[in-house]
Protein backbone atom coordinates (compact mmCIF):
# COMPACT_ATOMS: atom_id res chain seq x y z
CA UNK A 1 61.17 54.23 -44.30
CA UNK A 2 62.56 56.12 -47.30
CA UNK A 3 64.48 59.25 -46.22
CA UNK A 4 63.14 59.31 -42.65
CA UNK A 5 65.65 58.54 -39.93
CA UNK A 6 64.68 55.84 -37.50
CA UNK A 7 66.75 55.25 -34.40
CA UNK A 8 66.66 52.36 -31.97
CA UNK A 9 65.15 50.07 -34.56
CA UNK A 10 65.73 47.03 -32.39
CA UNK A 11 63.63 48.56 -29.60
CA UNK A 12 60.67 49.12 -31.98
CA UNK A 13 60.37 45.37 -32.61
CA UNK A 14 58.71 46.08 -35.92
CA UNK A 15 58.97 42.51 -37.11
CA UNK A 16 57.12 41.25 -34.04
CA UNK A 17 54.33 43.88 -33.85
CA UNK A 18 53.74 45.02 -37.40
CA UNK A 19 53.73 42.25 -39.95
CA UNK A 20 51.91 43.48 -43.02
CA UNK A 21 52.59 40.31 -44.96
CA UNK A 22 50.47 38.33 -42.46
CA UNK A 23 48.06 41.27 -42.01
CA UNK A 24 48.48 41.15 -38.23
CA UNK A 25 48.66 44.03 -35.76
CA UNK A 26 49.34 42.95 -32.19
CA UNK A 27 49.03 44.66 -28.81
CA UNK A 28 46.80 47.41 -30.18
CA UNK A 29 45.81 49.75 -27.34
CA UNK A 30 42.32 51.06 -26.57
CA UNK A 31 41.07 53.58 -29.10
CA UNK A 32 40.00 56.87 -27.57
CA UNK A 33 39.27 59.31 -30.35
CA UNK A 34 36.63 58.74 -33.02
CA UNK A 35 39.27 58.17 -35.67
CA UNK A 36 41.32 55.74 -33.61
CA UNK A 37 41.39 52.02 -34.26
CA UNK A 38 39.76 49.76 -31.68
CA UNK A 39 40.84 46.38 -30.42
CA UNK A 40 38.97 43.10 -30.09
CA UNK A 41 37.99 43.74 -26.48
CA UNK A 42 36.38 47.05 -27.43
CA UNK A 43 34.58 45.43 -30.37
CA UNK A 44 33.13 42.72 -28.11
CA UNK A 45 31.95 45.30 -25.61
CA UNK A 46 30.41 47.34 -28.42
CA UNK A 47 28.61 44.25 -29.79
CA UNK A 48 27.18 43.52 -26.35
CA UNK A 49 25.99 47.12 -25.95
CA UNK A 50 24.40 47.15 -29.38
CA UNK A 51 22.65 43.83 -28.68
CA UNK A 52 21.20 45.09 -25.42
CA UNK A 53 20.07 48.32 -27.09
CA UNK A 54 18.36 46.52 -29.97
CA UNK A 55 16.55 44.11 -27.62
CA UNK A 56 15.40 47.04 -25.49
CA UNK A 57 14.08 48.92 -28.53
CA UNK A 58 12.31 45.80 -29.85
CA UNK A 59 10.58 45.40 -26.48
CA UNK A 60 9.45 49.03 -26.66
CA UNK A 61 8.05 48.55 -30.17
CA UNK A 62 6.33 45.29 -29.17
CA UNK A 63 4.63 47.00 -26.21
CA UNK A 64 3.59 49.93 -28.38
CA UNK A 65 2.14 47.65 -31.05
CA UNK A 66 0.14 45.67 -28.52
CA UNK A 67 -1.22 48.89 -27.04
CA UNK A 68 -2.01 50.20 -30.52
CA UNK A 69 -3.89 47.11 -31.63
CA UNK A 70 -5.73 46.76 -28.33
CA UNK A 71 -7.03 50.31 -28.16
CA UNK A 72 -5.94 52.95 -30.63
CA UNK A 73 -6.59 50.97 -33.81
CA UNK A 74 -10.14 50.04 -32.85
CA UNK A 75 -10.91 53.63 -31.96
CA UNK A 76 -9.37 54.93 -35.17
CA UNK A 77 -11.61 52.62 -37.18
CA UNK A 78 -14.62 53.70 -35.15
CA UNK A 79 -13.80 57.37 -35.57
CA UNK A 80 -13.05 57.33 -39.29
CA UNK A 81 -15.22 54.44 -40.52
CA UNK A 82 -18.90 54.33 -41.36
CA UNK A 83 -21.05 56.44 -39.09
CA UNK A 84 -22.60 53.33 -37.48
CA UNK A 85 -19.58 51.03 -37.69
CA UNK A 86 -17.83 49.36 -34.79
CA UNK A 87 -20.62 49.90 -32.30
CA UNK A 88 -19.46 46.75 -30.52
CA UNK A 89 -16.12 44.95 -30.61
CA UNK A 90 -16.16 41.50 -29.03
CA UNK A 91 -13.21 39.12 -29.02
CA UNK A 92 -11.84 36.59 -26.57
CA UNK A 93 -8.34 36.94 -25.17
CA UNK A 94 -6.56 33.69 -24.36
CA UNK A 95 -7.47 32.60 -20.83
CA UNK A 96 -9.91 35.49 -20.46
CA UNK A 97 -12.37 32.97 -19.04
CA UNK A 98 -11.78 29.63 -17.38
CA UNK A 99 -12.53 26.73 -19.68
CA UNK A 100 -16.14 25.63 -19.14
CA UNK A 101 -17.10 28.77 -17.22
CA UNK A 102 -20.57 30.22 -17.76
CA UNK A 103 -20.44 33.67 -19.32
CA UNK A 104 -22.75 36.30 -17.91
CA UNK A 105 -20.87 39.28 -19.38
CA UNK A 106 -18.69 39.68 -22.46
CA UNK A 107 -17.03 43.12 -22.27
CA UNK A 108 -16.99 45.46 -25.24
CA UNK A 109 -13.33 45.87 -26.24
CA UNK A 110 -13.59 49.51 -27.34
CA UNK A 111 -12.07 52.26 -25.23
CA UNK A 112 -12.71 56.01 -25.20
CA UNK A 113 -16.08 55.33 -26.89
CA UNK A 114 -19.44 54.28 -25.51
CA UNK A 115 -19.27 50.59 -24.60
CA UNK A 116 -22.05 48.07 -25.14
CA UNK A 117 -21.33 44.89 -23.18
CA UNK A 118 -23.04 41.61 -24.05
CA UNK A 119 -24.92 40.19 -21.06
CA UNK A 120 -27.01 37.22 -19.94
CA UNK A 121 -28.74 37.16 -16.55
CA UNK A 122 -30.58 33.83 -16.82
CA UNK A 123 -28.25 31.08 -15.65
CA UNK A 124 -29.59 28.36 -17.94
CA UNK A 125 -29.12 30.59 -20.99
CA UNK A 126 -25.50 31.55 -20.36
CA UNK A 127 -23.00 30.22 -22.94
CA UNK A 128 -19.79 28.57 -21.78
CA UNK A 129 -16.16 29.36 -22.55
CA UNK A 130 -14.22 26.74 -24.50
CA UNK A 131 -11.06 26.44 -26.59
CA UNK A 132 -9.29 24.03 -28.92
CA UNK A 133 -5.74 24.97 -27.87
CA UNK A 134 -5.49 27.38 -30.82
CA UNK A 135 -8.06 30.01 -29.89
CA UNK A 136 -10.97 30.57 -27.53
CA UNK A 137 -14.67 30.67 -28.35
CA UNK A 138 -18.11 30.64 -26.75
CA UNK A 139 -20.26 27.52 -26.87
CA UNK A 140 -23.99 28.22 -27.30
CA UNK A 141 -26.56 25.46 -26.71
CA UNK A 142 -30.31 25.55 -27.39
CA UNK A 143 -31.67 28.89 -26.11
CA UNK A 144 -28.39 30.29 -24.87
CA UNK A 145 -27.46 33.77 -26.08
CA UNK A 146 -25.95 37.09 -25.05
CA UNK A 147 -27.89 40.34 -25.37
CA UNK A 148 -26.48 43.75 -26.24
CA UNK A 149 -28.45 46.80 -25.20
CA UNK A 150 -28.11 48.54 -28.55
CA UNK A 151 -30.97 49.38 -30.90
CA UNK A 152 -30.36 48.54 -34.56
CA UNK A 153 -33.65 50.15 -35.56
CA UNK A 154 -33.17 53.10 -37.87
CA UNK A 155 -29.50 52.19 -38.42
CA UNK A 156 -28.27 51.60 -41.95
CA UNK A 157 -24.73 51.36 -43.34
CA UNK A 158 -24.10 48.46 -40.95
CA UNK A 159 -21.18 46.05 -41.24
CA UNK A 160 -21.42 42.74 -39.33
CA UNK A 161 -18.32 40.58 -38.91
CA UNK A 162 -18.54 37.26 -37.05
CA UNK A 163 -16.54 34.03 -36.73
CA UNK A 164 -18.55 30.89 -35.99
CA UNK A 165 -19.31 27.27 -36.76
CA UNK A 166 -22.55 25.36 -36.41
CA UNK A 167 -22.63 21.97 -34.70
CA UNK A 168 -26.27 20.95 -35.00
CA UNK A 169 -29.28 22.13 -36.96
CA UNK A 170 -32.32 19.94 -36.25
CA UNK A 171 -34.69 19.53 -39.19
CA UNK A 172 -36.94 22.52 -39.63
CA UNK A 173 -35.24 24.47 -36.87
CA UNK A 174 -33.30 27.72 -36.86
CA UNK A 175 -29.76 28.20 -35.63
CA UNK A 176 -29.49 31.86 -34.72
CA UNK A 177 -26.13 33.56 -35.03
CA UNK A 178 -26.63 37.30 -34.65
CA UNK A 179 -29.10 40.17 -34.81
CA UNK A 180 -32.58 41.31 -33.88
CA UNK A 181 -35.76 39.67 -35.11
CA UNK A 182 -39.22 41.13 -35.49
CA UNK A 183 -41.22 39.11 -32.99
CA UNK A 184 -44.46 40.99 -33.66
CA UNK A 185 -47.06 40.32 -36.34
CA UNK A 186 -46.26 43.64 -38.03
CA UNK A 187 -44.63 42.59 -41.30
CA UNK A 188 -43.45 46.15 -41.97
CA UNK A 189 -41.16 46.01 -38.94
CA UNK A 190 -37.54 45.53 -39.90
CA UNK A 191 -35.03 42.84 -39.00
CA UNK A 192 -31.25 42.69 -39.07
CA UNK A 193 -30.05 39.15 -38.42
CA UNK A 194 -28.00 36.14 -39.53
CA UNK A 195 -29.07 32.53 -39.05
CA UNK A 196 -28.87 29.03 -40.56
CA UNK A 197 -32.00 27.09 -41.41
CA UNK A 198 -32.54 23.45 -42.34
CA UNK A 199 -35.38 22.64 -44.72
CA UNK A 200 -34.85 18.91 -44.23
CA UNK A 201 -33.07 18.59 -47.58
CA UNK A 202 -30.47 21.33 -47.37
CA UNK A 203 -29.03 23.94 -45.05
CA UNK A 204 -29.39 27.60 -45.90
CA UNK A 205 -27.79 30.83 -44.80
CA UNK A 206 -30.53 33.36 -44.12
CA UNK A 207 -29.90 37.10 -44.00
CA UNK A 208 -32.64 39.28 -42.52
CA UNK A 209 -32.58 42.68 -44.20
CA UNK A 210 -35.96 44.24 -43.43
CA UNK A 211 -39.42 42.84 -43.84
CA UNK A 212 -37.94 39.99 -45.87
CA UNK A 213 -35.03 37.53 -45.89
CA UNK A 214 -32.34 36.51 -48.32
CA UNK A 215 -31.87 32.72 -48.55
CA UNK A 216 -28.43 31.57 -49.75
CA UNK A 217 -27.68 27.92 -50.60
CA UNK A 218 -24.76 28.20 -53.04
CA UNK A 219 -21.27 29.11 -51.83
CA UNK A 220 -17.75 29.34 -53.30
CA UNK A 221 -15.25 26.59 -52.62
CA UNK A 222 -14.10 26.54 -48.97
CA UNK A 223 -16.42 29.42 -48.16
CA UNK A 224 -19.56 27.79 -46.81
CA UNK A 225 -20.83 28.84 -43.36
CA UNK A 226 -23.31 25.91 -43.22
CA UNK A 227 -20.62 23.24 -42.72
CA UNK A 228 -18.98 22.08 -39.49
CA UNK A 229 -15.92 24.27 -40.11
CA UNK A 230 -15.26 27.67 -38.57
CA UNK A 231 -16.19 30.42 -41.02
CA UNK A 232 -15.56 34.14 -41.16
CA UNK A 233 -18.81 35.74 -42.28
CA UNK A 234 -19.23 39.40 -43.09
CA UNK A 235 -22.47 41.11 -44.06
CA UNK A 236 -22.55 44.74 -45.17
CA UNK A 237 -25.89 46.57 -45.17
CA UNK A 238 -25.21 49.36 -47.66
CA UNK A 239 -27.67 51.65 -49.43
CA UNK A 240 -31.38 51.36 -48.64
CA UNK A 241 -33.60 50.12 -51.48
CA UNK A 242 -30.52 49.46 -53.66
CA UNK A 243 -29.24 45.98 -54.50
CA UNK A 244 -25.71 46.66 -53.25
CA UNK A 245 -25.65 45.09 -49.79
CA UNK A 246 -23.06 42.31 -49.67
CA UNK A 247 -22.34 38.91 -48.11
CA UNK A 248 -18.80 37.50 -47.93
CA UNK A 249 -17.53 34.26 -46.38
CA UNK A 250 -13.86 33.53 -45.74
CA UNK A 251 -12.97 36.53 -47.88
CA UNK A 252 -14.97 35.33 -50.90
CA UNK A 253 -18.03 37.01 -52.42
CA UNK A 254 -21.22 35.04 -51.73
CA UNK A 255 -24.21 37.21 -52.63
CA UNK A 256 -25.73 40.67 -52.65
CA UNK A 257 -29.21 41.77 -51.61
CA UNK A 258 -31.44 44.82 -51.42
CA UNK A 259 -31.60 46.33 -47.95
CA UNK A 260 -34.68 48.03 -46.58
CA UNK A 261 -35.21 50.91 -44.16
CA UNK A 262 -35.18 49.77 -40.55
CA UNK A 263 -38.23 50.89 -38.56
CA UNK A 264 -39.12 48.27 -35.98
CA UNK A 265 -38.20 44.98 -34.37
CA UNK A 266 -36.44 44.40 -31.08
CA UNK A 267 -34.56 47.26 -29.45
CA UNK A 268 -31.62 44.97 -28.58
CA UNK A 269 -29.33 42.71 -30.59
CA UNK A 270 -28.33 39.16 -29.73
CA UNK A 271 -25.22 37.04 -30.10
CA UNK A 272 -25.91 33.33 -30.52
CA UNK A 273 -29.53 33.98 -31.45
CA UNK A 274 -31.68 36.33 -33.52
CA UNK A 275 -33.82 37.24 -30.54
CA UNK A 276 -33.21 38.11 -26.90
CA UNK A 277 -35.98 35.60 -26.06
CA UNK A 278 -35.46 32.63 -28.39
CA UNK A 279 -38.15 29.96 -28.36
CA UNK A 280 -37.74 27.30 -31.04
CA UNK A 281 -34.05 27.86 -31.76
CA UNK A 282 -32.82 24.50 -30.48
CA UNK A 283 -29.28 24.27 -31.83
CA UNK A 284 -25.59 24.24 -31.01
CA UNK A 285 -22.97 26.60 -32.32
CA UNK A 286 -19.60 28.07 -31.38
CA UNK A 287 -18.82 31.76 -31.86
CA UNK A 288 -15.21 32.86 -31.71
């Protein structure tokens, strides 16, 4: 202790309590001030408090993220995206419908914006809910479809995004996926639709863009919507009378086409068909 006087050395028990050679300090009391040392008991209590705090904050963030993705994000895209984008947002939550249940109404997922639910009143034309343990989807057979009371006529700058797989395309028949078809004899009326056709020798993806159609038979590797696999298909109707409208499948470029002005056709759009009143569209498909 150099020049400092220390009395009652035996009572201090320095050898027992302060052994710097072994780097041990025993019987350390509770720290009170910020600069005080703390003992093991205090450290354990602090660890427990920190753990509880972190778990609580994680739960808050998780709840906020779920709320954000379920509502705010969709609305932000709708507000800041293309003027006609995100008119309808349809997706299936796990266990939203009982497996095998007939679907008469598929609610629009948007909030704070005008909603356009997909409906089917005719019992024999209602699709059924199904799942493969990984995600849920709707099973459409023959003339089954859902109808959305929204008019695509006069709407350009449209972006269609749909997940589906086809199960059966009888020879010469059409498997409707989405859109509105011109059911009149007026060839100047405009269509916006997606379907699969079978010529008897090959299957084709057909994009309705106006008074005409774009047939697509060639696809990138692992990006074909005419197989039995689920595909993510996106179709963007861009500028009118310009060859810059696009088709993508599973994130890969497939084709481009020239869109036309939209002045006719049905005043509704369909899911699982290209018409609200399908006639010869005998097919099976699943839309997720």
